[in-house]
Amino acid sequence: MSWSDALLIHRAAENYQGVALMVRDPILMSLAAAWPKAKRTLPNSPPPGQEVDLEALWQKTRIDFQGWAELAQVDALQVMEGFKVLRGNGLILPDGTLNHLADSVLKKEAAGQLLNQFGIKPGEVKK
């Protein structure tokens, strides 16, 4: 079983409270956006059907915090503090994925900023 499959239940969680915290803080938004590209090393994925202990998996996951800081354009202390918040609220997962709600918010934010850069109002976009 791949890590993506093993962590599906965590990625699919309805975590509105955690996302509400993330959207209030631009540093957390930057860290979450950069998380999928941050370098990390995970242990071997579990055999099919085995339940994953997320806390144990986090303990065995090695993260390049300095590289993540550079990707997110924040300083190392902000990465460490933000990591605790994002991890503790279940918004990032060890395999580099995000909770589906956090991922959706980031995509909508990016799309909104792109439209704004081009001077397009959301109602002007046609499908």
Protein backbone atom coordinates (compact mmCIF):
# COMPACT_ATOMS: atom_id res chain seq x y z
CA MET A 1 0.00 0.00 0.00
CA SER A 2 1.32 3.46 -0.84
CA TRP A 3 1.53 6.28 1.68
CA SER A 4 -1.07 8.14 -0.37
CA ASP A 5 -3.54 5.28 0.15
CA ALA A 6 -2.60 4.80 3.80
CA LEU A 7 -3.16 8.49 4.62
CA LEU A 8 -6.39 8.91 2.64
CA ILE A 9 -8.58 8.96 5.75
CA HIS A 10 -6.53 11.84 7.20
CA ARG A 11 -6.46 13.74 3.92
CA ALA A 12 -10.26 13.42 3.60
CA ALA A 13 -11.02 14.65 7.14
CA GLU A 14 -13.51 17.52 7.41
CA ASN A 15 -11.16 19.86 9.23
CA TYR A 16 -12.90 23.23 9.07
CA GLN A 17 -11.43 24.46 12.36
CA GLY A 18 -7.86 23.82 11.27
CA VAL A 19 -8.42 25.50 7.91
CA ALA A 20 -9.99 28.49 9.69
CA LEU A 21 -6.71 28.94 11.59
CA MET A 22 -4.64 28.61 8.44
CA VAL A 23 -6.53 31.25 6.44
CA ARG A 24 -6.04 33.83 9.20
CA ASP A 25 -2.25 33.65 8.91
CA PRO A 26 -0.31 34.37 5.70
CA ILE A 27 2.74 32.49 7.04
CA LEU A 28 0.68 29.33 7.53
CA MET A 29 -0.79 29.77 4.04
CA SER A 30 2.73 30.07 2.59
CA LEU A 31 3.99 27.05 4.49
CA ALA A 32 1.00 24.93 3.48
CA ALA A 33 1.40 25.97 -0.16
CA ALA A 34 5.09 25.01 -0.14
CA TRP A 35 4.61 21.75 1.83
CA PRO A 36 4.11 19.45 -1.19
CA LYS A 37 7.52 20.53 -2.58
CA ALA A 38 9.39 20.35 0.74
CA LYS A 39 11.93 17.52 0.83
CA ARG A 40 11.17 14.75 3.27
CA THR A 41 12.12 11.15 3.91
CA LEU A 42 9.51 8.64 5.05
CA PRO A 43 9.93 5.08 6.25
CA ASN A 44 8.73 2.24 4.04
CA SER A 45 4.98 2.28 3.43
CA PRO A 46 2.83 -0.15 5.43
CA PRO A 47 1.51 -3.46 4.10
CA PRO A 48 -2.05 -3.41 2.68
CA GLY A 49 -4.75 -3.20 5.32
CA GLN A 50 -2.49 -2.04 8.13
CA GLU A 51 -3.75 1.00 9.99
CA VAL A 52 -1.31 3.91 10.20
CA ASP A 53 -0.34 5.50 13.49
CA LEU A 54 0.02 9.09 12.27
CA GLU A 55 1.99 10.24 15.31
CA ALA A 56 4.49 7.37 14.93
CA LEU A 57 4.81 8.16 11.22
CA TRP A 58 5.56 11.84 11.96
CA GLN A 59 8.27 10.74 14.41
CA LYS A 60 9.94 8.67 11.67
CA THR A 61 9.62 11.34 8.97
CA ARG A 62 12.67 13.53 8.28
CA ILE A 63 11.97 17.00 6.89
CA ASP A 64 14.34 19.51 5.31
CA PHE A 65 13.10 22.50 7.32
CA GLN A 66 15.66 24.89 5.82
CA GLY A 67 14.64 23.96 2.30
CA TRP A 68 10.97 24.33 3.23
CA ALA A 69 11.72 27.80 4.65
CA GLU A 70 13.32 28.80 1.36
CA LEU A 71 10.39 27.47 -0.67
CA ALA A 72 7.87 29.33 1.50
CA GLN A 73 10.04 32.45 1.75
CA VAL A 74 9.86 32.55 5.56
CA ASP A 75 12.55 32.27 8.23
CA ALA A 76 13.44 29.03 9.99
CA LEU A 77 11.76 29.95 13.29
CA GLN A 78 8.49 30.63 11.46
CA VAL A 79 8.77 27.23 9.79
CA MET A 80 9.19 25.45 13.11
CA GLU A 81 6.26 27.29 14.69
CA GLY A 82 4.09 26.89 11.60
CA PHE A 83 4.94 23.19 11.34
CA LYS A 84 3.55 22.62 14.83
CA VAL A 85 0.31 24.38 13.93
CA LEU A 86 -0.16 22.74 10.53
CA ARG A 87 0.77 19.28 11.78
CA GLY A 88 -1.19 19.58 15.02
CA ASN A 89 -4.31 20.63 13.18
CA GLY A 90 -3.98 17.86 10.60
CA LEU A 91 -3.54 20.20 7.64
CA ILE A 92 -0.29 18.69 6.34
CA LEU A 93 0.57 15.02 6.13
CA PRO A 94 3.98 13.33 6.18
CA ASP A 95 3.77 12.22 2.55
CA GLY A 96 3.67 15.83 1.34
CA THR A 97 -0.07 16.03 0.85
CA LEU A 98 -2.55 18.41 2.43
CA ASN A 99 -5.93 17.93 4.02
CA HIS A 100 -8.43 18.26 1.17
CA LEU A 101 -10.04 21.39 2.62
CA ALA A 102 -6.68 23.12 3.04
CA ASP A 103 -5.77 22.14 -0.51
CA SER A 104 -9.05 23.55 -1.85
CA VAL A 105 -8.61 26.84 0.00
CA LEU A 106 -5.06 27.24 -1.34
CA LYS A 107 -6.19 26.56 -4.91
CA LYS A 108 -9.03 29.08 -4.64
CA GLU A 109 -6.71 31.66 -3.12
CA ALA A 110 -4.17 31.16 -5.90
CA ALA A 111 -6.86 31.39 -8.57
CA GLY A 112 -8.24 34.57 -7.01
CA GLN A 113 -4.81 36.17 -6.90
CA LEU A 114 -4.14 35.22 -10.51
CA LEU A 115 -7.44 36.73 -11.66
CA ASN A 116 -6.67 39.86 -9.67
CA GLN A 117 -3.23 40.14 -11.31
CA PHE A 118 -4.92 40.12 -14.70
CA GLY A 119 -7.62 42.54 -13.56
CA ILE A 120 -10.39 40.01 -14.08
CA LYS A 121 -13.36 40.01 -11.72
CA PRO A 122 -14.67 36.53 -10.73
CA GLY A 123 -18.04 37.18 -12.42
CA GLU A 124 -16.31 37.92 -15.72
CA VAL A 125 -14.90 34.41 -16.12
CA LYS A 126 -16.96 32.23 -18.42
CA LYS A 127 -16.87 28.47 -18.43
